[in-house]
N, C-alpha and C. Protein backbone atom coordinates (compact mmCIF):
# COMPACT_ATOMS: atom_id res chain seq x y z
N MET A 1 103.27 -201.18 48.83
CA MET A 1 104.50 -200.99 48.80
C MET A 1 104.42 -199.94 47.78
N ARG A 2 105.67 -199.46 47.33
CA ARG A 2 105.53 -198.49 46.21
C ARG A 2 106.49 -199.52 45.40
N GLN A 3 105.99 -198.99 43.82
CA GLN A 3 106.73 -199.35 42.36
C GLN A 3 108.55 -199.56 42.90
N GLU A 4 108.86 -197.90 43.34
CA GLU A 4 110.77 -198.12 43.48
C GLU A 4 110.93 -199.06 44.18
N ASP A 5 110.84 -199.62 45.15
CA ASP A 5 110.69 -200.66 46.30
C ASP A 5 110.70 -201.84 45.67
N LEU A 6 109.77 -202.63 44.94
CA LEU A 6 110.16 -203.71 44.17
C LEU A 6 111.26 -203.70 43.56
N PHE A 7 111.51 -203.26 42.63
CA PHE A 7 111.93 -203.01 41.13
C PHE A 7 113.20 -202.19 41.39
N GLY A 8 113.08 -200.90 42.02
CA GLY A 8 114.50 -200.33 42.00
C GLY A 8 114.05 -198.96 41.08
N LYS A 9 115.10 -198.18 41.53
CA LYS A 9 115.05 -196.64 40.82
C LYS A 9 114.94 -197.03 39.03
N ASP A 10 115.58 -197.89 38.96
CA ASP A 10 115.76 -197.78 36.92
C ASP A 10 114.47 -198.82 36.52
N HIS A 11 113.30 -199.11 37.28
CA HIS A 11 112.35 -199.38 36.59
C HIS A 11 111.37 -198.74 36.75
N ILE A 12 111.43 -197.50 37.10
CA ILE A 12 110.14 -196.09 37.00
C ILE A 12 110.44 -195.53 35.68
N LYS A 13 109.55 -195.45 34.84
CA LYS A 13 109.39 -194.50 33.98
C LYS A 13 108.91 -193.55 34.19
N PRO A 14 109.76 -192.05 33.84
CA PRO A 14 109.49 -191.16 34.01
C PRO A 14 107.95 -190.49 33.46
N LEU A 15 107.23 -189.83 34.33
CA LEU A 15 105.51 -189.44 33.46
C LEU A 15 105.97 -188.34 32.11
N GLU A 16 104.86 -188.95 31.42
CA GLU A 16 105.02 -187.83 29.68
C GLU A 16 104.40 -186.89 30.31
N THR A 17 104.90 -185.38 29.70
CA THR A 17 104.04 -184.36 29.96
C THR A 17 103.94 -184.00 28.21
N LYS A 18 103.27 -182.72 28.42
CA LYS A 18 103.01 -182.12 26.95
C LYS A 18 104.05 -180.71 27.04
N TYR A 19 104.24 -180.31 28.58
CA TYR A 19 104.98 -178.90 28.63
C TYR A 19 106.24 -179.32 28.57
N THR A 20 106.83 -178.18 28.45
CA THR A 20 108.23 -178.62 28.51
C THR A 20 109.29 -177.19 29.46
N SER A 21 110.18 -177.60 29.69
CA SER A 21 110.69 -176.65 30.75
C SER A 21 111.28 -175.48 29.86
N LYS A 22 111.81 -175.68 28.47
CA LYS A 22 112.63 -175.11 27.75
C LYS A 22 111.67 -174.11 27.32
N VAL A 23 112.15 -172.57 27.74
CA VAL A 23 111.77 -171.34 26.36
C VAL A 23 112.36 -170.48 26.18
N LYS A 24 112.34 -170.18 25.04
CA LYS A 24 112.95 -169.34 23.88
C LYS A 24 111.71 -168.33 23.51
N ALA A 25 112.42 -166.74 24.56
CA ALA A 25 111.68 -165.36 23.89
C ALA A 25 112.07 -165.27 22.53
N PRO A 26 111.23 -164.51 22.24
CA PRO A 26 111.49 -163.72 20.96
C PRO A 26 112.35 -162.43 21.11
N ILE A 27 113.03 -162.08 20.28
CA ILE A 27 114.04 -161.00 20.56
C ILE A 27 113.80 -160.26 19.34
N TYR A 28 113.22 -158.91 19.88
CA TYR A 28 112.63 -157.37 19.04
C TYR A 28 114.46 -157.43 18.75
N GLU A 29 114.30 -157.56 16.89
CA GLU A 29 115.46 -156.51 16.67
C GLU A 29 114.65 -155.78 15.71
N PRO A 30 114.64 -154.42 15.97
CA PRO A 30 114.44 -152.98 15.01
C PRO A 30 115.24 -153.42 13.98
N LYS A 31 114.35 -152.44 12.52
CA LYS A 31 115.01 -152.41 12.00
C LYS A 31 114.59 -150.47 11.37
N ASN A 32 115.48 -150.45 10.54
CA ASN A 32 115.22 -148.92 10.58
C ASN A 32 114.43 -148.32 9.21
N THR A 33 113.76 -148.72 9.34
CA THR A 33 112.59 -148.59 8.19
C THR A 33 111.59 -148.72 8.77
N LYS A 34 110.08 -147.64 8.07
CA LYS A 34 108.89 -147.42 8.55
C LYS A 34 107.89 -147.98 7.75
N PRO A 35 107.05 -148.35 7.86
CA PRO A 35 105.97 -149.05 7.21
C PRO A 35 105.16 -147.69 6.82
N ILE A 36 104.55 -148.07 5.77
CA ILE A 36 103.77 -147.47 4.48
C ILE A 36 101.98 -147.02 5.53
N ILE A 37 101.73 -146.61 5.73
CA ILE A 37 100.61 -146.19 6.87
C ILE A 37 99.39 -146.98 6.03
N ALA A 38 99.58 -147.32 4.92
CA ALA A 38 98.37 -147.89 4.32
C ALA A 38 98.66 -149.54 4.51
N GLU A 39 99.96 -149.69 4.91
CA GLU A 39 100.13 -151.44 4.69
C GLU A 39 99.69 -151.73 6.37
N LEU A 40 99.30 -150.54 7.02
CA LEU A 40 99.23 -150.93 9.06
C LEU A 40 97.48 -150.94 9.04
N ILE A 41 96.90 -150.96 8.08
CA ILE A 41 95.34 -151.35 8.30
C ILE A 41 94.58 -152.38 6.88
N ASN A 42 93.71 -152.82 7.26
CA ASN A 42 92.77 -153.18 6.52
C ASN A 42 91.26 -153.10 6.02
N ARG A 43 91.12 -152.50 5.82
CA ARG A 43 89.78 -151.78 5.49
C ARG A 43 88.66 -152.71 5.34
N SER A 44 89.17 -154.42 4.68
CA SER A 44 88.18 -154.76 3.98
C SER A 44 87.18 -155.31 5.19
N LYS A 45 87.33 -155.76 6.40
CA LYS A 45 86.18 -156.35 6.76
C LYS A 45 85.17 -155.21 7.07
N SER A 46 85.62 -153.51 7.94
CA SER A 46 84.95 -152.85 7.92
C SER A 46 83.87 -152.57 7.02
N GLN A 47 84.83 -152.62 6.11
CA GLN A 47 84.02 -151.91 4.20
C GLN A 47 82.51 -153.23 4.41
N ARG A 48 82.84 -154.93 4.80
CA ARG A 48 81.96 -155.53 4.57
C ARG A 48 80.79 -155.54 5.57
N LEU A 49 81.05 -155.23 6.54
CA LEU A 49 80.07 -154.75 7.92
C LEU A 49 79.24 -154.12 7.77
N ILE A 50 79.65 -152.52 6.70
CA ILE A 50 79.08 -151.48 6.51
C ILE A 50 78.38 -152.30 5.54
N SER A 51 78.59 -152.67 4.71
CA SER A 51 77.59 -152.95 3.32
C SER A 51 76.52 -153.94 4.04
N GLU A 52 76.94 -155.19 5.15
CA GLU A 52 75.84 -155.79 5.32
C GLU A 52 74.83 -155.12 6.51
N ILE A 53 75.23 -153.96 7.03
CA ILE A 53 73.81 -152.84 7.79
C ILE A 53 73.62 -152.65 6.76
N GLU A 54 74.02 -151.65 5.79
CA GLU A 54 72.93 -151.07 5.01
C GLU A 54 72.43 -151.75 4.21
N ILE A 55 72.52 -153.25 3.95
CA ILE A 55 71.33 -153.80 3.31
C ILE A 55 70.57 -154.79 4.32
N SER A 56 71.10 -154.68 5.22
CA SER A 56 69.65 -155.24 6.40
C SER A 56 68.47 -154.23 6.43
N ASN A 57 67.13 -155.07 7.16
CA ASN A 57 66.21 -154.75 7.45
C ASN A 57 65.84 -154.10 8.65
N VAL A 58 67.08 -153.48 9.26
CA VAL A 58 66.95 -152.58 10.16
C VAL A 58 66.44 -151.29 9.92
N SER A 59 65.86 -150.06 11.03
CA SER A 59 65.31 -149.13 10.27
C SER A 59 66.74 -148.28 9.88
N ASN A 60 66.07 -147.48 9.50
CA ASN A 60 67.38 -146.16 9.23
C ASN A 60 67.66 -145.74 10.06
N GLU A 61 67.22 -145.62 11.21
CA GLU A 61 67.70 -144.12 12.32
C GLU A 61 68.88 -145.46 12.62
N GLU A 62 68.34 -147.32 12.86
CA GLU A 62 69.28 -147.81 13.48
C GLU A 62 70.41 -148.08 12.79
N LYS A 63 70.18 -148.15 11.51
CA LYS A 63 71.52 -147.75 10.90
C LYS A 63 72.31 -146.55 11.16
N ARG A 64 71.82 -146.01 11.34
CA ARG A 64 72.80 -144.48 11.32
C ARG A 64 73.79 -144.92 12.68
N PHE A 65 72.84 -145.51 13.97
CA PHE A 65 73.86 -145.58 15.14
C PHE A 65 74.74 -146.57 14.75
N LEU A 66 74.26 -147.86 14.10
CA LEU A 66 74.95 -148.33 13.68
C LEU A 66 76.52 -148.27 12.80
N ILE A 67 76.28 -146.94 12.22
CA ILE A 67 77.67 -147.03 10.89
C ILE A 67 77.84 -145.41 11.85
């Protein structure tokens, strides 16, 4: 026998969900300003990796290949 048959539809608790049916997509709003090229990159990670390769114990031939 179903729960709704015993107690009526008023006693059924809705299933909780972690998802939503409401979706609000971000809207791109262009600005008429161009960024400075230097602001678009971050060389710190590549410089750190190159430094780690240079001080590593691999052969010079392998270091040249990696860099």
